[in-house]
C-alpha atoms as a PDB file:
ATOM      1  CA  MET A   1      -6.116 275.215-137.867  1.00  0.00           C
ATOM      2  CA  ALA A   2      -4.997 271.963-136.300  1.00  0.00           C
ATOM      3  CA  TRP A   3      -3.358 269.360-138.501  1.00  0.00           C
ATOM      4  CA  ILE A   4      -3.891 265.637-138.066  1.00  0.00           C
ATOM      5  CA  VAL A   5      -0.536 264.085-137.188  1.00  0.00           C
ATOM      6  CA  ASN A   6       0.125 260.445-138.035  1.00  0.00           C
ATOM      7  CA  TYR A   7       3.285 258.517-137.278  1.00  0.00           C
ATOM      8  CA  HIS A   8       5.148 255.893-139.272  1.00  0.00           C
ATOM      9  CA  PRO A   9       5.071 252.663-137.200  1.00  0.00           C
ATOM     10  CA  ASP A  10       8.847 252.778-136.611  1.00  0.00           C
ATOM     11  CA  VAL A  11       8.787 256.271-135.083  1.00  0.00           C
ATOM     12  CA  GLU A  12       7.958 254.739-131.691  1.00  0.00           C
ATOM     13  CA  GLN A  13      11.362 253.029-131.716  1.00  0.00           C
ATOM     14  CA  ASP A  14      12.987 256.307-132.812  1.00  0.00           C
ATOM     15  CA  LEU A  15      11.548 257.981-129.707  1.00  0.00           C
ATOM     16  CA  LEU A  16      12.786 255.177-127.455  1.00  0.00           C
ATOM     17  CA  ASN A  17      16.269 255.495-128.970  1.00  0.00           C
ATOM     18  CA  LEU A  18      16.353 259.220-128.221  1.00  0.00           C
ATOM     19  CA  GLY A  19      15.673 258.837-124.507  1.00  0.00           C
ATOM     20  CA  ARG A  20      12.916 260.241-122.336  1.00  0.00           C
ATOM     21  CA  ALA A  21      13.972 263.916-122.150  1.00  0.00           C
ATOM     22  CA  GLU A  22      14.749 264.278-125.854  1.00  0.00           C
ATOM     23  CA  ALA A  23      11.568 262.392-126.813  1.00  0.00           C
ATOM     24  CA  ARG A  24       9.464 264.797-124.730  1.00  0.00           C
ATOM     25  CA  ALA A  25      11.133 267.780-126.399  1.00  0.00           C
ATOM     26  CA  ILE A  26      10.479 266.307-129.849  1.00  0.00           C
ATOM     27  CA  LEU A  27       6.825 265.579-129.073  1.00  0.00           C
ATOM     28  CA  LYS A  28       6.411 269.135-127.817  1.00  0.00           C
ATOM     29  CA  VAL A  29       7.826 270.493-131.109  1.00  0.00           C
ATOM     30  CA  ILE A  30       5.494 268.210-133.077  1.00  0.00           C
ATOM     31  CA  GLU A  31       2.494 269.437-131.091  1.00  0.00           C
ATOM     32  CA  GLU A  32       3.348 273.144-131.094  1.00  0.00           C
ATOM     33  CA  ARG A  33       5.054 273.701-134.437  1.00  0.00           C
ATOM     34  CA  ILE A  34       3.590 270.996-136.645  1.00  0.00           C
ATOM     35  CA  ALA A  35       0.110 270.084-135.367  1.00  0.00           C
ATOM     36  CA  GLN A  36      -0.831 273.626-134.343  1.00  0.00           C
ATOM     37  CA  GLY A  37       1.395 275.498-136.805  1.00  0.00           C
ATOM     38  CA  GLU A  38       1.896 275.605-140.538  1.00  0.00           C
ATOM     39  CA  PRO A  39       3.911 272.465-141.345  1.00  0.00           C
ATOM     40  CA  ASP A  40       3.541 273.088-145.068  1.00  0.00           C
ATOM     41  CA  LYS A  41       5.577 276.280-144.636  1.00  0.00           C
ATOM     42  CA  LEU A  42       7.923 275.252-141.809  1.00  0.00           C
ATOM     43  CA  GLY A  43      11.123 273.352-142.080  1.00  0.00           C
ATOM     44  CA  LYS A  44      13.421 272.810-144.976  1.00  0.00           C
ATOM     45  CA  ARG A  45      12.274 271.059-148.128  1.00  0.00           C
ATOM     46  CA  LEU A  46      14.209 267.914-148.845  1.00  0.00           C
ATOM     47  CA  ALA A  47      15.366 266.683-152.248  1.00  0.00           C
ATOM     48  CA  GLY A  48      16.284 263.413-153.916  1.00  0.00           C
ATOM     49  CA  GLU A  49      14.611 260.318-152.536  1.00  0.00           C
ATOM     50  CA  LEU A  50      12.964 262.502-149.890  1.00  0.00           C
ATOM     51  CA  SER A  51      11.476 264.953-152.363  1.00  0.00           C
ATOM     52  CA  GLY A  52       8.072 266.005-151.061  1.00  0.00           C
ATOM     53  CA  CYS A  53       9.248 265.741-147.469  1.00  0.00           C
ATOM     54  CA  ARG A  54      10.396 268.414-145.052  1.00  0.00           C
ATOM     55  CA  ARG A  55      12.548 268.471-141.961  1.00  0.00           C
ATOM     56  CA  ILE A  56      12.606 270.527-138.807  1.00  0.00           C
ATOM     57  CA  ARG A  57      15.717 270.722-136.690  1.00  0.00           C
ATOM     58  CA  THR A  58      15.398 270.893-132.934  1.00  0.00           C
ATOM     59  CA  GLY A  59      18.783 270.876-131.268  1.00  0.00           C
ATOM     60  CA  GLN A  60      20.757 268.027-132.797  1.00  0.00           C
ATOM     61  CA  THR A  61      17.616 266.062-133.656  1.00  0.00           C
ATOM     62  CA  ARG A  62      15.767 266.112-136.960  1.00  0.00           C
ATOM     63  CA  ILE A  63      12.067 265.485-137.575  1.00  0.00           C
ATOM     64  CA  VAL A  64      11.393 264.298-141.128  1.00  0.00           C
ATOM     65  CA  TYR A  65       7.775 264.551-142.223  1.00  0.00           C
ATOM     66  CA  ARG A  66       5.464 264.731-145.238  1.00  0.00           C
ATOM     67  CA  VAL A  67       2.499 267.089-145.559  1.00  0.00           C
ATOM     68  CA  ASP A  68      -0.781 266.261-147.311  1.00  0.00           C
ATOM     69  CA  GLY A  69      -2.455 269.650-147.559  1.00  0.00           C
ATOM     70  CA  ASP A  70      -5.607 268.297-149.180  1.00  0.00           C
ATOM     71  CA  ARG A  71      -6.301 266.027-146.215  1.00  0.00           C
ATOM     72  CA  ILE A  72      -4.787 268.404-143.613  1.00  0.00           C
ATOM     73  CA  GLU A  73      -2.516 265.580-142.472  1.00  0.00           C
ATOM     74  CA  VAL A  74       1.130 265.285-141.580  1.00  0.00           C
ATOM     75  CA  LEU A  75       3.006 261.981-141.544  1.00  0.00           C
ATOM     76  CA  ILE A  76       6.011 261.913-139.225  1.00  0.00           C
ATOM     77  CA  ILE A  77       8.416 259.607-141.054  1.00  0.00           C
ATOM     78  CA  ALA A  78      11.535 259.540-138.894  1.00  0.00           C
ATOM     79  CA  LEU A  79      13.157 261.145-135.852  1.00  0.00           C
ATOM     80  CA  GLY A  80      16.824 261.114-135.000  1.00  0.00           C
ATOM     81  CA  MET A  81      20.270 262.621-135.030  1.00  0.00           C
ATOM     82  CA  ARG A  82      21.837 263.835-138.253  1.00  0.00           C
ATOM     83  CA  ARG A  83      25.072 261.842-137.738  1.00  0.00           C
ATOM     84  CA  ASP A  84      26.465 260.992-141.175  1.00  0.00           C
ATOM     85  CA  ASN A  85      23.018 261.524-142.707  1.00  0.00           C
ATOM     86  CA  GLU A  86      21.734 258.544-140.694  1.00  0.00           C
ATOM     87  CA  ILE A  87      18.310 260.136-140.204  1.00  0.00           C
ATOM     88  CA  TYR A  88      17.915 260.790-143.917  1.00  0.00           C
ATOM     89  CA  ASP A  89      18.891 257.221-144.817  1.00  0.00           C
ATOM     90  CA  THR A  90      16.361 255.931-142.293  1.00  0.00           C
ATOM     91  CA  ALA A  91      13.653 258.234-143.662  1.00  0.00           C
ATOM     92  CA  SER A  92      14.424 257.159-147.254  1.00  0.00           C
ATOM     93  CA  SER A  93      13.898 253.538-146.322  1.00  0.00           C
ATOM     94  CA  ARG A  94      10.470 254.383-144.859  1.00  0.00           C
ATOM     95  CA  VAL A  95       9.131 256.449-147.756  1.00  0.00           C
ATOM     96  CA  ASP A  96       6.860 254.620-150.202  1.00  0.00           C
END
């Protein structure tokens, strides 16, 4: 089953910040592991302000996303390095 993948508007800037090679690797993970996989079972569940979200680690980069199983949709919230929890702070600011 293929999932519908949507992106938070600021994820485009996240990809630009990562650079071309890293952005391609991240998009490949999103396509293979999230869109074509089982995102509701992958990754680590997050807690606190990001409760209801999950994250997948690929190298030093994290993909923070939220799954809506009823609609078969995944929202990619933030992409970036873990440095001092920077990615999680960014994701928290983007969660409704």
